[in-house]
């Protein structure tokens, strides 16, 4: 007697996934996903590292409000002075 395809697949799955079950009652993680987890770990850790390096050590990147370094404040002040001069001329 030959096993049906459904029963055969169930037997194969139970055989292969016994070794990936957590013995403390966890869930099964297929061994085929290990390279994916490793690649994602490397990608996330490198993204965190390079983002931190960019934010921490880049002098041209302005993350806080520092009026001494703000070109926008200078432009705004120039516009206000020009408006005052135009009003005085009128």
PDB file of N, CA and C in Angstrom:
ATOM      1  N   UNK A   1       0.839  -1.171   0.000  1.00  0.00           N
ATOM      2  CA  UNK A   1       0.000   0.000   0.000  1.00  0.00           C
ATOM      3  C   UNK A   1       0.890   1.242   0.000  1.00  0.00           C
ATOM      4  N   UNK A   2       0.525   2.160  -0.839  1.00  0.00           N
ATOM      5  CA  UNK A   2       1.316   3.368  -0.994  1.00  0.00           C
ATOM      6  C   UNK A   2       0.628   4.525  -0.266  1.00  0.00           C
ATOM      7  N   UNK A   3       1.436   5.358   0.432  1.00  0.00           N
ATOM      8  CA  UNK A   3       0.874   6.496   1.163  1.00  0.00           C
ATOM      9  C   UNK A   3       0.441   7.575   0.185  1.00  0.00           C
ATOM     10  N   UNK A   4      -0.615   8.263   0.531  1.00  0.00           N
ATOM     11  CA  UNK A   4      -1.059   9.359  -0.324  1.00  0.00           C
ATOM     12  C   UNK A   4      -0.052  10.508  -0.234  1.00  0.00           C
ATOM     13  N   UNK A   5      -0.117  11.406  -1.198  1.00  0.00           N
ATOM     14  CA  UNK A   5       0.836  12.513  -1.258  1.00  0.00           C
ATOM     15  C   UNK A   5       0.720  13.409  -0.022  1.00  0.00           C
ATOM     16  N   UNK A   6      -0.478  13.638   0.466  1.00  0.00           N
ATOM     17  CA  UNK A   6      -0.678  14.478   1.645  1.00  0.00           C
ATOM     18  C   UNK A   6      -0.034  13.855   2.871  1.00  0.00           C
ATOM     19  N   UNK A   7      -0.263  12.583   3.091  1.00  0.00           N
ATOM     20  CA  UNK A   7       0.338  11.917   4.246  1.00  0.00           C
ATOM     21  C   UNK A   7       1.851  11.833   4.107  1.00  0.00           C
ATOM     22  N   UNK A   8       2.334  11.623   2.888  1.00  0.00           N
ATOM     23  CA  UNK A   8       3.775  11.550   2.677  1.00  0.00           C
ATOM     24  C   UNK A   8       4.434  12.890   2.992  1.00  0.00           C
ATOM     25  N   UNK A   9       3.824  13.999   2.545  1.00  0.00           N
ATOM     26  CA  UNK A   9       4.370  15.325   2.828  1.00  0.00           C
ATOM     27  C   UNK A   9       4.341  15.622   4.319  1.00  0.00           C
ATOM     28  N   UNK A  10       3.297  15.223   5.003  1.00  0.00           N
ATOM     29  CA  UNK A  10       3.214  15.439   6.447  1.00  0.00           C
ATOM     30  C   UNK A  10       4.316  14.676   7.166  1.00  0.00           C
ATOM     31  N   UNK A  11       4.601  13.463   6.720  1.00  0.00           N
ATOM     32  CA  UNK A  11       5.656  12.672   7.344  1.00  0.00           C
ATOM     33  C   UNK A  11       7.019  13.301   7.100  1.00  0.00           C
ATOM     34  N   UNK A  12       7.244  13.813   5.919  1.00  0.00           N
ATOM     35  CA  UNK A  12       8.522  14.452   5.611  1.00  0.00           C
ATOM     36  C   UNK A  12       8.689  15.711   6.442  1.00  0.00           C
ATOM     37  N   UNK A  13       7.643  16.505   6.559  1.00  0.00           N
ATOM     38  CA  UNK A  13       7.724  17.736   7.347  1.00  0.00           C
ATOM     39  C   UNK A  13       8.006  17.442   8.810  1.00  0.00           C
ATOM     40  N   UNK A  14       7.327  16.483   9.377  1.00  0.00           N
ATOM     41  CA  UNK A  14       7.541  16.189  10.792  1.00  0.00           C
ATOM     42  C   UNK A  14       8.947  15.658  11.022  1.00  0.00           C
ATOM     43  N   UNK A  15       9.501  14.962  10.063  1.00  0.00           N
ATOM     44  CA  UNK A  15      10.857  14.441  10.178  1.00  0.00           C
ATOM     45  C   UNK A  15      11.873  15.580  10.125  1.00  0.00           C
ATOM     46  N   UNK A  16      11.699  16.493   9.200  1.00  0.00           N
ATOM     47  CA  UNK A  16      12.699  17.530   8.971  1.00  0.00           C
ATOM     48  C   UNK A  16      12.635  18.652   9.996  1.00  0.00           C
ATOM     49  N   UNK A  17      11.479  18.953  10.531  1.00  0.00           N
ATOM     50  CA  UNK A  17      11.343  20.084  11.432  1.00  0.00           C
ATOM     51  C   UNK A  17      11.503  19.717  12.899  1.00  0.00           C
ATOM     52  N   UNK A  18      11.733  18.462  13.212  1.00  0.00           N
ATOM     53  CA  UNK A  18      11.942  18.095  14.611  1.00  0.00           C
ATOM     54  C   UNK A  18      13.221  18.704  15.157  1.00  0.00           C
ATOM     55  N   UNK A  19      14.234  18.846  14.312  1.00  0.00           N
ATOM     56  CA  UNK A  19      15.508  19.356  14.795  1.00  0.00           C
ATOM     57  C   UNK A  19      15.512  20.872  14.955  1.00  0.00           C
ATOM     58  N   UNK A  20      14.544  21.586  14.400  1.00  0.00           N
ATOM     59  CA  UNK A  20      14.520  23.032  14.544  1.00  0.00           C
ATOM     60  C   UNK A  20      13.528  23.500  15.600  1.00  0.00           C
ATOM     61  N   UNK A  21      12.822  22.584  16.210  1.00  0.00           N
ATOM     62  CA  UNK A  21      11.888  22.981  17.258  1.00  0.00           C
ATOM     63  C   UNK A  21      12.651  23.356  18.517  1.00  0.00           C
ATOM     64  N   UNK A  22      12.213  24.425  19.133  1.00  0.00           N
ATOM     65  CA  UNK A  22      12.791  24.810  20.408  1.00  0.00           C
ATOM     66  C   UNK A  22      12.314  23.811  21.455  1.00  0.00           C
ATOM     67  N   UNK A  23      13.209  23.267  22.223  1.00  0.00           N
ATOM     68  CA  UNK A  23      12.849  22.223  23.187  1.00  0.00           C
ATOM     69  C   UNK A  23      12.000  22.769  24.338  1.00  0.00           C
ATOM     70  N   UNK A  24      11.960  24.092  24.501  1.00  0.00           N
ATOM     71  CA  UNK A  24      11.183  24.683  25.594  1.00  0.00           C
ATOM     72  C   UNK A  24       9.774  25.055  25.144  1.00  0.00           C
ATOM     73  N   UNK A  25       9.323  24.518  24.056  1.00  0.00           N
ATOM     74  CA  UNK A  25       7.957  24.782  23.615  1.00  0.00           C
ATOM     75  C   UNK A  25       7.849  25.934  22.647  1.00  0.00           C
ATOM     76  N   UNK A  26       8.911  26.252  21.933  1.00  0.00           N
ATOM     77  CA  UNK A  26       8.888  27.354  20.979  1.00  0.00           C
ATOM     78  C   UNK A  26       8.249  26.958  19.674  1.00  0.00           C
ATOM     79  N   UNK A  27       8.610  27.647  18.625  1.00  0.00           N
ATOM     80  CA  UNK A  27       8.035  27.373  17.320  1.00  0.00           C
ATOM     81  C   UNK A  27       9.145  26.984  16.350  1.00  0.00           C
ATOM     82  N   UNK A  28       8.746  26.389  15.241  1.00  0.00           N
ATOM     83  CA  UNK A  28       9.706  25.874  14.269  1.00  0.00           C
ATOM     84  C   UNK A  28      10.183  26.986  13.345  1.00  0.00           C
ATOM     85  N   UNK A  29      11.490  27.054  13.154  1.00  0.00           N
ATOM     86  CA  UNK A  29      12.090  27.960  12.191  1.00  0.00           C
ATOM     87  C   UNK A  29      12.825  27.092  11.179  1.00  0.00           C
ATOM     88  N   UNK A  30      12.439  27.127   9.932  1.00  0.00           N
ATOM     89  CA  UNK A  30      13.108  26.290   8.937  1.00  0.00           C
ATOM     90  C   UNK A  30      14.584  26.659   8.808  1.00  0.00           C
ATOM     91  N   UNK A  31      15.423  25.675   8.648  1.00  0.00           N
ATOM     92  CA  UNK A  31      16.862  25.887   8.553  1.00  0.00           C
ATOM     93  C   UNK A  31      17.230  26.653   7.286  1.00  0.00           C
ATOM     94  N   UNK A  32      16.347  26.634   6.294  1.00  0.00           N
ATOM     95  CA  UNK A  32      16.615  27.340   5.050  1.00  0.00           C
ATOM     96  C   UNK A  32      16.614  28.855   5.233  1.00  0.00           C
ATOM     97  N   UNK A  33      16.022  29.329   6.311  1.00  0.00           N
ATOM     98  CA  UNK A  33      15.948  30.769   6.549  1.00  0.00           C
ATOM     99  C   UNK A  33      17.180  31.326   7.254  1.00  0.00           C
ATOM    100  N   UNK A  34      18.099  30.483   7.667  1.00  0.00           N
ATOM    101  CA  UNK A  34      19.294  30.945   8.371  1.00  0.00           C
ATOM    102  C   UNK A  34      20.101  31.941   7.543  1.00  0.00           C
ATOM    103  N   UNK A  35      20.388  31.699   6.262  1.00  0.00           N
ATOM    104  CA  UNK A  35      21.124  32.708   5.485  1.00  0.00           C
ATOM    105  C   UNK A  35      20.373  34.033   5.377  1.00  0.00           C
ATOM    106  N   UNK A  36      19.054  33.970   5.316  1.00  0.00           N
ATOM    107  CA  UNK A  36      18.268  35.197   5.266  1.00  0.00           C
ATOM    108  C   UNK A  36      18.427  35.990   6.560  1.00  0.00           C
ATOM    109  N   UNK A  37      18.366  35.310   7.698  1.00  0.00           N
ATOM    110  CA  UNK A  37      18.540  35.989   8.983  1.00  0.00           C
ATOM    111  C   UNK A  37      19.936  36.586   9.103  1.00  0.00           C
ATOM    112  N   UNK A  38      20.935  35.872   8.643  1.00  0.00           N
ATOM    113  CA  UNK A  38      22.306  36.382   8.702  1.00  0.00           C
ATOM    114  C   UNK A  38      22.448  37.612   7.810  1.00  0.00           C
ATOM    115  N   UNK A  39      21.931  37.539   6.597  1.00  0.00           N
ATOM    116  CA  UNK A  39      22.030  38.672   5.675  1.00  0.00           C
ATOM    117  C   UNK A  39      21.280  39.890   6.209  1.00  0.00           C
ATOM    118  N   UNK A  40      20.097  39.670   6.769  1.00  0.00           N
ATOM    119  CA  UNK A  40      19.338  40.792   7.333  1.00  0.00           C
ATOM    120  C   UNK A  40      20.041  41.382   8.547  1.00  0.00           C
ATOM    121  N   UNK A  41      20.655  40.537   9.357  1.00  0.00           N
ATOM    122  CA  UNK A  41      21.412  41.029  10.506  1.00  0.00           C
ATOM    123  C   UNK A  41      22.575  41.897  10.083  1.00  0.00           C
ATOM    124  N   UNK A  42      23.297  41.469   9.058  1.00  0.00           N
ATOM    125  CA  UNK A  42      24.420  42.261   8.547  1.00  0.00           C
ATOM    126  C   UNK A  42      23.917  43.577   7.966  1.00  0.00           C
ATOM    127  N   UNK A  43      22.834  43.538   7.213  1.00  0.00           N
ATOM    128  CA  UNK A  43      22.302  44.753   6.592  1.00  0.00           C
ATOM    129  C   UNK A  43      21.820  45.754   7.635  1.00  0.00           C
ATOM    130  N   UNK A  44      21.093  45.290   8.626  1.00  0.00           N
ATOM    131  CA  UNK A  44      20.572  46.194   9.660  1.00  0.00           C
ATOM    132  C   UNK A  44      21.708  46.762  10.499  1.00  0.00           C
ATOM    133  N   UNK A  45      22.667  45.924  10.876  1.00  0.00           N
ATOM    134  CA  UNK A  45      23.771  46.423  11.701  1.00  0.00           C
ATOM    135  C   UNK A  45      24.634  47.414  10.928  1.00  0.00           C
ATOM    136  N   UNK A  46      24.869  47.190   9.644  1.00  0.00           N
ATOM    137  CA  UNK A  46      25.653  48.153   8.875  1.00  0.00           C
ATOM    138  C   UNK A  46      24.879  49.453   8.675  1.00  0.00           C
ATOM    139  N   UNK A  47      23.580  49.374   8.495  1.00  0.00           N
ATOM    140  CA  UNK A  47      22.776  50.595   8.365  1.00  0.00           C
ATOM    141  C   UNK A  47      22.816  51.415   9.646  1.00  0.00           C
ATOM    142  N   UNK A  48      22.724  50.750  10.778  1.00  0.00           N
ATOM    143  CA  UNK A  48      22.796  51.456  12.065  1.00  0.00           C
ATOM    144  C   UNK A  48      24.174  52.069  12.248  1.00  0.00           C
ATOM    145  N   UNK A  49      25.221  51.326  11.939  1.00  0.00           N
ATOM    146  CA  UNK A  49      26.587  51.816  12.113  1.00  0.00           C
ATOM    147  C   UNK A  49      26.851  53.042  11.252  1.00  0.00           C
ATOM    148  N   UNK A  50      26.531  52.964   9.961  1.00  0.00           N
ATOM    149  CA  UNK A  50      26.833  54.078   9.072  1.00  0.00           C
ATOM    150  C   UNK A  50      25.925  55.278   9.327  1.00  0.00           C
ATOM    151  N   UNK A  51      24.696  55.058   9.743  1.00  0.00           N
ATOM    152  CA  UNK A  51      23.823  56.184  10.102  1.00  0.00           C
ATOM    153  C   UNK A  51      24.345  56.890  11.339  1.00  0.00           C
ATOM    154  N   UNK A  52      24.767  56.125  12.332  1.00  0.00           N
ATOM    155  CA  UNK A  52      25.334  56.734  13.540  1.00  0.00           C
ATOM    156  C   UNK A  52      26.587  57.517  13.190  1.00  0.00           C
ATOM    157  N   UNK A  53      27.437  56.934  12.362  1.00  0.00           N
ATOM    158  CA  UNK A  53      28.676  57.616  11.995  1.00  0.00           C
ATOM    159  C   UNK A  53      28.378  58.919  11.260  1.00  0.00           C
ATOM    160  N   UNK A  54      27.374  58.909  10.406  1.00  0.00           N
ATOM    161  CA  UNK A  54      27.006  60.122   9.672  1.00  0.00           C
ATOM    162  C   UNK A  54      26.461  61.187  10.619  1.00  0.00           C
ATOM    163  N   UNK A  55      25.566  60.789  11.518  1.00  0.00           N
ATOM    164  CA  UNK A  55      24.964  61.759  12.429  1.00  0.00           C
ATOM    165  C   UNK A  55      25.961  62.271  13.460  1.00  0.00           C
ATOM    166  N   UNK A  56      26.859  61.439  13.926  1.00  0.00           N
ATOM    167  CA  UNK A  56      27.750  61.821  15.014  1.00  0.00           C
ATOM    168  C   UNK A  56      28.941  62.647  14.547  1.00  0.00           C
ATOM    169  N   UNK A  57      29.477  62.366  13.366  1.00  0.00           N
ATOM    170  CA  UNK A  57      30.757  62.960  12.993  1.00  0.00           C
ATOM    171  C   UNK A  57      30.715  63.882  11.787  1.00  0.00           C
ATOM    172  N   UNK A  58      29.578  64.087  11.174  1.00  0.00           N
ATOM    173  CA  UNK A  58      29.500  64.977  10.024  1.00  0.00           C
ATOM    174  C   UNK A  58      29.307  66.405  10.514  1.00  0.00           C
ATOM    175  N   UNK A  59      30.273  67.262  10.202  1.00  0.00           N
ATOM    176  CA  UNK A  59      30.203  68.644  10.652  1.00  0.00           C
ATOM    177  C   UNK A  59      29.233  69.494   9.861  1.00  0.00           C
ATOM    178  N   UNK A  60      28.930  69.099   8.643  1.00  0.00           N
ATOM    179  CA  UNK A  60      28.034  69.901   7.816  1.00  0.00           C
ATOM    180  C   UNK A  60      26.568  69.593   8.080  1.00  0.00           C
ATOM    181  N   UNK A  61      26.302  68.502   8.755  1.00  0.00           N
ATOM    182  CA  UNK A  61      24.927  68.109   9.048  1.00  0.00           C
ATOM    183  C   UNK A  61      24.463  68.826  10.310  1.00  0.00           C
ATOM    184  N   UNK A  62      23.372  69.575  10.201  1.00  0.00           N
ATOM    185  CA  UNK A  62      22.901  70.353  11.340  1.00  0.00           C
ATOM    186  C   UNK A  62      21.677  69.680  11.944  1.00  0.00           C
ATOM    187  N   UNK A  63      21.836  69.118  13.136  1.00  0.00           N
ATOM    188  CA  UNK A  63      20.743  68.409  13.784  1.00  0.00           C
ATOM    189  C   UNK A  63      20.077  69.219  14.885  1.00  0.00           C
ATOM    190  N   UNK A  64      20.763  70.208  15.413  1.00  0.00           N
ATOM    191  CA  UNK A  64      20.186  71.010  16.489  1.00  0.00           C
ATOM    192  C   UNK A  64      20.033  72.452  16.013  1.00  0.00           C
ATOM    193  N   UNK A  65      19.281  73.205  16.744  1.00  0.00           N
ATOM    194  CA  UNK A  65      19.069  74.606  16.391  1.00  0.00           C
ATOM    195  C   UNK A  65      20.232  75.426  16.929  1.00  0.00           C
ATOM    196  N   UNK A  66      21.079  75.833  16.048  1.00  0.00           N
ATOM    197  CA  UNK A  66      22.211  76.664  16.413  1.00  0.00           C
ATOM    198  C   UNK A  66      22.136  77.924  15.566  1.00  0.00           C
ATOM    199  N   UNK A  67      21.747  79.044  16.155  1.00  0.00           N
ATOM    200  CA  UNK A  67      21.540  80.252  15.354  1.00  0.00           C
ATOM    201  C   UNK A  67      22.817  80.768  14.706  1.00  0.00           C
ATOM    202  N   UNK A  68      23.964  80.434  15.257  1.00  0.00           N
ATOM    203  CA  UNK A  68      25.218  80.907  14.669  1.00  0.00           C
ATOM    204  C   UNK A  68      25.493  80.238  13.324  1.00  0.00           C
ATOM    205  N   UNK A  69      24.990  79.048  13.126  1.00  0.00           N
ATOM    206  CA  UNK A  69      25.242  78.312  11.896  1.00  0.00           C
ATOM    207  C   UNK A  69      24.083  78.397  10.915  1.00  0.00           C
ATOM    208  N   UNK A  70      23.078  79.130  11.246  1.00  0.00           N
ATOM    209  CA  UNK A  70      21.884  79.133  10.415  1.00  0.00           C
ATOM    210  C   UNK A  70      21.982  80.188   9.319  1.00  0.00           C
ATOM    211  N   UNK A  71      22.031  79.756   8.086  1.00  0.00           N
ATOM    212  CA  UNK A  71      22.003  80.680   6.952  1.00  0.00           C
ATOM    213  C   UNK A  71      20.590  81.200   6.738  1.00  0.00           C
ATOM    214  N   UNK A  72      19.607  80.438   7.145  1.00  0.00           N
ATOM    215  CA  UNK A  72      18.222  80.856   6.999  1.00  0.00           C
ATOM    216  C   UNK A  72      17.937  82.088   7.855  1.00  0.00           C
ATOM    217  N   UNK A  73      18.499  82.137   9.036  1.00  0.00           N
ATOM    218  CA  UNK A  73      18.308  83.296   9.910  1.00  0.00           C
ATOM    219  C   UNK A  73      18.911  84.542   9.278  1.00  0.00           C
ATOM    220  N   UNK A  74      20.083  84.396   8.671  1.00  0.00           N
ATOM    221  CA  UNK A  74      20.716  85.539   8.010  1.00  0.00           C
ATOM    222  C   UNK A  74      19.851  86.041   6.855  1.00  0.00           C
ATOM    223  N   UNK A  75      19.333  85.130   6.062  1.00  0.00           N
ATOM    224  CA  UNK A  75      18.472  85.522   4.943  1.00  0.00           C
ATOM    225  C   UNK A  75      17.196  86.191   5.439  1.00  0.00           C
ATOM    226  N   UNK A  76      16.626  85.675   6.505  1.00  0.00           N
ATOM    227  CA  UNK A  76      15.410  86.256   7.063  1.00  0.00           C
ATOM    228  C   UNK A  76      15.681  87.666   7.581  1.00  0.00           C
ATOM    229  N   UNK A  77      16.811  87.858   8.248  1.00  0.00           N
ATOM    230  CA  UNK A  77      17.159  89.189   8.749  1.00  0.00           C
ATOM    231  C   UNK A  77      17.387  90.168   7.602  1.00  0.00           C
ATOM    232  N   UNK A  78      18.014  89.722   6.528  1.00  0.00           N
ATOM    233  CA  UNK A  78      18.226  90.587   5.366  1.00  0.00           C
ATOM    234  C   UNK A  78      16.892  91.003   4.757  1.00  0.00           C
ATOM    235  N   UNK A  79      15.962  90.068   4.658  1.00  0.00           N
ATOM    236  CA  UNK A  79      14.649  90.394   4.103  1.00  0.00           C
ATOM    237  C   UNK A  79      13.923  91.411   4.976  1.00  0.00           C
ATOM    238  N   UNK A  80      14.026  91.263   6.292  1.00  0.00           N
ATOM    239  CA  UNK A  80      13.377  92.225   7.189  1.00  0.00           C
ATOM    240  C   UNK A  80      13.990  93.609   7.037  1.00  0.00           C
ATOM    241  N   UNK A  81      15.302  93.679   6.915  1.00  0.00           N
ATOM    242  CA  UNK A  81      15.956  94.978   6.744  1.00  0.00           C
ATOM    243  C   UNK A  81      15.550  95.626   5.423  1.00  0.00           C
ATOM    244  N   UNK A  82      15.461  94.825   4.364  1.00  0.00           N
ATOM    245  CA  UNK A  82      15.043  95.367   3.071  1.00  0.00           C
ATOM    246  C   UNK A  82      13.614  95.883   3.133  1.00  0.00           C
ATOM    247  N   UNK A  83      12.735  95.176   3.832  1.00  0.00           N
ATOM    248  CA  UNK A  83      11.353  95.633   3.972  1.00  0.00           C
ATOM    249  C   UNK A  83      11.288  96.935   4.758  1.00  0.00           C
ATOM    250  N   UNK A  84      12.095  97.061   5.804  1.00  0.00           N
ATOM    251  CA  UNK A  84      12.117  98.301   6.587  1.00  0.00           C
ATOM    252  C   UNK A  84      12.617  99.466   5.741  1.00  0.00           C
ATOM    253  N   UNK A  85      13.641  99.211   4.925  1.00  0.00           N
ATOM    254  CA  UNK A  85      14.176 100.266   4.063  1.00  0.00           C
ATOM    255  C   UNK A  85      13.143 100.704   3.026  1.00  0.00           C
ATOM    256  N   UNK A  86      12.395  99.743   2.487  1.00  0.00           N
ATOM    257  CA  UNK A  86      11.367 100.089   1.509  1.00  0.00           C
ATOM    258  C   UNK A  86      10.261 100.914   2.149  1.00  0.00           C
ATOM    259  N   UNK A  87       9.882 100.585   3.380  1.00  0.00           N
ATOM    260  CA  UNK A  87       8.841 101.347   4.073  1.00  0.00           C
ATOM    261  C   UNK A  87       9.327 102.754   4.392  1.00  0.00           C
ATOM    262  N   UNK A  88      10.599 102.902   4.724  1.00  0.00           N
ATOM    263  CA  UNK A  88      11.141 104.220   5.042  1.00  0.00           C
ATOM    264  C   UNK A  88      11.231 105.089   3.788  1.00  0.00           C
ATOM    265  N   UNK A  89      11.491 104.484   2.644  1.00  0.00           N
ATOM    266  CA  UNK A  89      11.589 105.248   1.402  1.00  0.00           C
ATOM    267  C   UNK A  89      10.220 105.736   0.945  1.00  0.00           C
ATOM    268  N   UNK A  90       9.175 105.052   1.311  1.00  0.00           N
ATOM    269  CA  UNK A  90       7.829 105.443   0.891  1.00  0.00           C
ATOM    270  C   UNK A  90       7.318 106.542   1.711  1.00  0.00           C
TER     271      UNK A  90
END
